[in-house]
Amino acid sequence: MRGYDASGLARELPDRFGIAPDRAKLIARSQCNMARAVINNADRMEMGIKEALWHHDARCGIRSHVALNGRRYVLEQGASLDGKRLWPGREPACNCSSTDIKASDEE
């Protein structure tokens, strides 16, 4: 319920599961980024935002995400790529982001 920050989770993983500290840091950072992406998406939908614009980040470890750069997508459905539904930051190694498209932006 309290949640973790990446450094707290990285300290806990080796103790509980015997994971090497460097690997634990990578796992913790990835999991925290993915959780943040889910929470941000839910917050946007609660605010009534329906669409966003995908921004590929050069640090993103997923090459196929380049094709999504600048693509508009529905927050609830995610962006479609190769038959999969994707959201920025929700996959390990993804550093992509997005910006809101508000209804007033379209008028």
C-alpha atoms as a PDB file:
ATOM      1  CA  MET A   1       0.000   0.000   0.000  1.00  0.00           C
ATOM      2  CA  ARG A   2       2.841   2.392   0.830  1.00  0.00           C
ATOM      3  CA  GLY A   3       4.608   1.751  -2.448  1.00  0.00           C
ATOM      4  CA  TYR A   4       8.283   1.948  -3.251  1.00  0.00           C
ATOM      5  CA  ASP A   5      10.664   4.320  -4.873  1.00  0.00           C
ATOM      6  CA  ALA A   6      13.242   2.834  -7.222  1.00  0.00           C
ATOM      7  CA  SER A   7      16.087   2.992  -4.701  1.00  0.00           C
ATOM      8  CA  GLY A   8      13.994   1.372  -1.948  1.00  0.00           C
ATOM      9  CA  LEU A   9      12.926  -1.417  -4.255  1.00  0.00           C
ATOM     10  CA  ALA A  10      16.507  -1.915  -5.476  1.00  0.00           C
ATOM     11  CA  ARG A  11      17.653  -2.403  -1.861  1.00  0.00           C
ATOM     12  CA  GLU A  12      14.865  -4.863  -1.101  1.00  0.00           C
ATOM     13  CA  LEU A  13      15.228  -7.151  -4.151  1.00  0.00           C
ATOM     14  CA  PRO A  14      18.670  -8.567  -3.265  1.00  0.00           C
ATOM     15  CA  ASP A  15      17.586  -9.238   0.323  1.00  0.00           C
ATOM     16  CA  ARG A  16      14.330 -10.996  -0.546  1.00  0.00           C
ATOM     17  CA  PHE A  17      15.222 -12.753  -3.782  1.00  0.00           C
ATOM     18  CA  GLY A  18      19.013 -12.877  -3.929  1.00  0.00           C
ATOM     19  CA  ILE A  19      19.160 -10.766  -7.083  1.00  0.00           C
ATOM     20  CA  ALA A  20      22.515  -9.140  -7.844  1.00  0.00           C
ATOM     21  CA  PRO A  21      22.493  -5.439  -6.817  1.00  0.00           C
ATOM     22  CA  ASP A  22      23.144  -4.091 -10.341  1.00  0.00           C
ATOM     23  CA  ARG A  23      20.353  -6.229 -11.769  1.00  0.00           C
ATOM     24  CA  ALA A  24      18.074  -5.161  -8.908  1.00  0.00           C
ATOM     25  CA  LYS A  25      18.643  -1.487  -9.821  1.00  0.00           C
ATOM     26  CA  LEU A  26      17.639  -2.147 -13.432  1.00  0.00           C
ATOM     27  CA  ILE A  27      14.536  -4.090 -12.405  1.00  0.00           C
ATOM     28  CA  ALA A  28      13.514  -1.473  -9.838  1.00  0.00           C
ATOM     29  CA  ARG A  29      13.916   1.431 -12.275  1.00  0.00           C
ATOM     30  CA  SER A  30      11.981  -0.406 -14.973  1.00  0.00           C
ATOM     31  CA  GLN A  31       9.112  -1.411 -12.671  1.00  0.00           C
ATOM     32  CA  CYS A  32       8.794   2.084 -11.198  1.00  0.00           C
ATOM     33  CA  ASN A  33       8.760   3.651 -14.679  1.00  0.00           C
ATOM     34  CA  MET A  34       6.079   1.226 -15.840  1.00  0.00           C
ATOM     35  CA  ALA A  35       3.952   1.881 -12.739  1.00  0.00           C
ATOM     36  CA  ARG A  36       4.315   5.644 -13.248  1.00  0.00           C
ATOM     37  CA  ALA A  37       3.157   5.285 -16.868  1.00  0.00           C
ATOM     38  CA  VAL A  38       0.034   3.375 -15.799  1.00  0.00           C
ATOM     39  CA  ILE A  39      -0.798   5.912 -13.090  1.00  0.00           C
ATOM     40  CA  ASN A  40      -0.261   8.904 -15.402  1.00  0.00           C
ATOM     41  CA  ASN A  41      -2.487   7.321 -18.065  1.00  0.00           C
ATOM     42  CA  ALA A  42      -5.258   6.695 -15.520  1.00  0.00           C
ATOM     43  CA  ASP A  43      -4.970  10.262 -14.190  1.00  0.00           C
ATOM     44  CA  ARG A  44      -5.296  11.682 -17.694  1.00  0.00           C
ATOM     45  CA  MET A  45      -8.408   9.642 -18.413  1.00  0.00           C
ATOM     46  CA  GLU A  46      -9.944  10.756 -15.092  1.00  0.00           C
ATOM     47  CA  MET A  47      -9.346  14.366 -16.168  1.00  0.00           C
ATOM     48  CA  GLY A  48     -11.310  13.688 -19.346  1.00  0.00           C
ATOM     49  CA  ILE A  49      -8.345  13.600 -21.705  1.00  0.00           C
ATOM     50  CA  LYS A  50      -9.054  11.074 -24.430  1.00  0.00           C
ATOM     51  CA  GLU A  51      -6.086  11.263 -26.807  1.00  0.00           C
ATOM     52  CA  ALA A  52      -2.342  11.783 -26.692  1.00  0.00           C
ATOM     53  CA  LEU A  53       0.585  12.163 -29.060  1.00  0.00           C
ATOM     54  CA  TRP A  54       3.413   9.598 -28.778  1.00  0.00           C
ATOM     55  CA  HIS A  55       6.987  10.903 -28.429  1.00  0.00           C
ATOM     56  CA  HIS A  56       9.789   8.431 -29.075  1.00  0.00           C
ATOM     57  CA  ASP A  57      12.832   8.929 -26.846  1.00  0.00           C
ATOM     58  CA  ALA A  58      16.284   8.199 -28.267  1.00  0.00           C
ATOM     59  CA  ARG A  59      17.077   6.288 -25.056  1.00  0.00           C
ATOM     60  CA  CYS A  60      14.177   3.899 -25.684  1.00  0.00           C
ATOM     61  CA  GLY A  61      15.507   0.375 -25.981  1.00  0.00           C
ATOM     62  CA  ILE A  62      12.685  -0.741 -28.271  1.00  0.00           C
ATOM     63  CA  ARG A  63      13.485   0.085 -31.890  1.00  0.00           C
ATOM     64  CA  SER A  64       9.960  -0.477 -33.179  1.00  0.00           C
ATOM     65  CA  HIS A  65       8.729   2.475 -31.084  1.00  0.00           C
ATOM     66  CA  VAL A  66      10.357   4.850 -33.600  1.00  0.00           C
ATOM     67  CA  ALA A  67       7.375   4.118 -35.869  1.00  0.00           C
ATOM     68  CA  LEU A  68       5.026   5.495 -33.203  1.00  0.00           C
ATOM     69  CA  ASN A  69       6.747   8.880 -32.940  1.00  0.00           C
ATOM     70  CA  GLY A  70       4.241  11.663 -33.556  1.00  0.00           C
ATOM     71  CA  ARG A  71       1.344   9.227 -33.788  1.00  0.00           C
ATOM     72  CA  ARG A  72      -1.931  10.160 -32.168  1.00  0.00           C
ATOM     73  CA  TYR A  73      -3.620   7.457 -30.078  1.00  0.00           C
ATOM     74  CA  VAL A  74      -6.621   6.976 -27.801  1.00  0.00           C
ATOM     75  CA  LEU A  75      -5.464   6.753 -24.178  1.00  0.00           C
ATOM     76  CA  GLU A  76      -7.884   3.978 -23.292  1.00  0.00           C
ATOM     77  CA  GLN A  77      -6.850   1.786 -26.243  1.00  0.00           C
ATOM     78  CA  GLY A  78      -3.150   2.579 -26.604  1.00  0.00           C
ATOM     79  CA  ALA A  79      -1.271   2.861 -29.875  1.00  0.00           C
ATOM     80  CA  SER A  80      -1.423  -0.067 -32.277  1.00  0.00           C
ATOM     81  CA  LEU A  81       1.839  -1.482 -33.594  1.00  0.00           C
ATOM     82  CA  ASP A  82       2.185  -4.894 -35.242  1.00  0.00           C
ATOM     83  CA  GLY A  83      -1.144  -6.021 -33.802  1.00  0.00           C
ATOM     84  CA  LYS A  84      -0.206  -5.035 -30.233  1.00  0.00           C
ATOM     85  CA  ARG A  85      -1.628  -2.240 -28.109  1.00  0.00           C
ATOM     86  CA  LEU A  86       1.131  -0.144 -26.528  1.00  0.00           C
ATOM     87  CA  TRP A  87       1.415   2.810 -24.168  1.00  0.00           C
ATOM     88  CA  PRO A  88       4.528   4.980 -23.703  1.00  0.00           C
ATOM     89  CA  GLY A  89       6.701   3.799 -20.830  1.00  0.00           C
ATOM     90  CA  ARG A  90       4.754   0.606 -20.139  1.00  0.00           C
ATOM     91  CA  GLU A  91       7.324  -1.845 -21.452  1.00  0.00           C
ATOM     92  CA  PRO A  92      10.732  -2.599 -19.972  1.00  0.00           C
ATOM     93  CA  ALA A  93      13.420  -0.353 -21.505  1.00  0.00           C
ATOM     94  CA  CYS A  94      10.843   2.064 -22.967  1.00  0.00           C
ATOM     95  CA  ASN A  95      11.579   5.716 -22.226  1.00  0.00           C
ATOM     96  CA  CYS A  96       8.955   7.090 -24.611  1.00  0.00           C
ATOM     97  CA  SER A  97       6.455   9.693 -23.433  1.00  0.00           C
ATOM     98  CA  SER A  98       3.383  11.475 -24.710  1.00  0.00           C
ATOM     99  CA  THR A  99       1.593  14.782 -24.571  1.00  0.00           C
ATOM    100  CA  ASP A 100      -2.104  15.324 -24.073  1.00  0.00           C
ATOM    101  CA  ILE A 101      -4.385  16.274 -26.916  1.00  0.00           C
ATOM    102  CA  LYS A 102      -7.125  18.277 -25.274  1.00  0.00           C
ATOM    103  CA  ALA A 103     -10.504  18.817 -26.895  1.00  0.00           C
ATOM    104  CA  SER A 104      -9.734  22.548 -27.028  1.00  0.00           C
ATOM    105  CA  ASP A 105      -6.593  21.798 -29.109  1.00  0.00           C
ATOM    106  CA  GLU A 106      -8.792  20.521 -31.934  1.00  0.00           C
ATOM    107  CA  GLU A 107     -11.049  23.530 -32.267  1.00  0.00           C
END
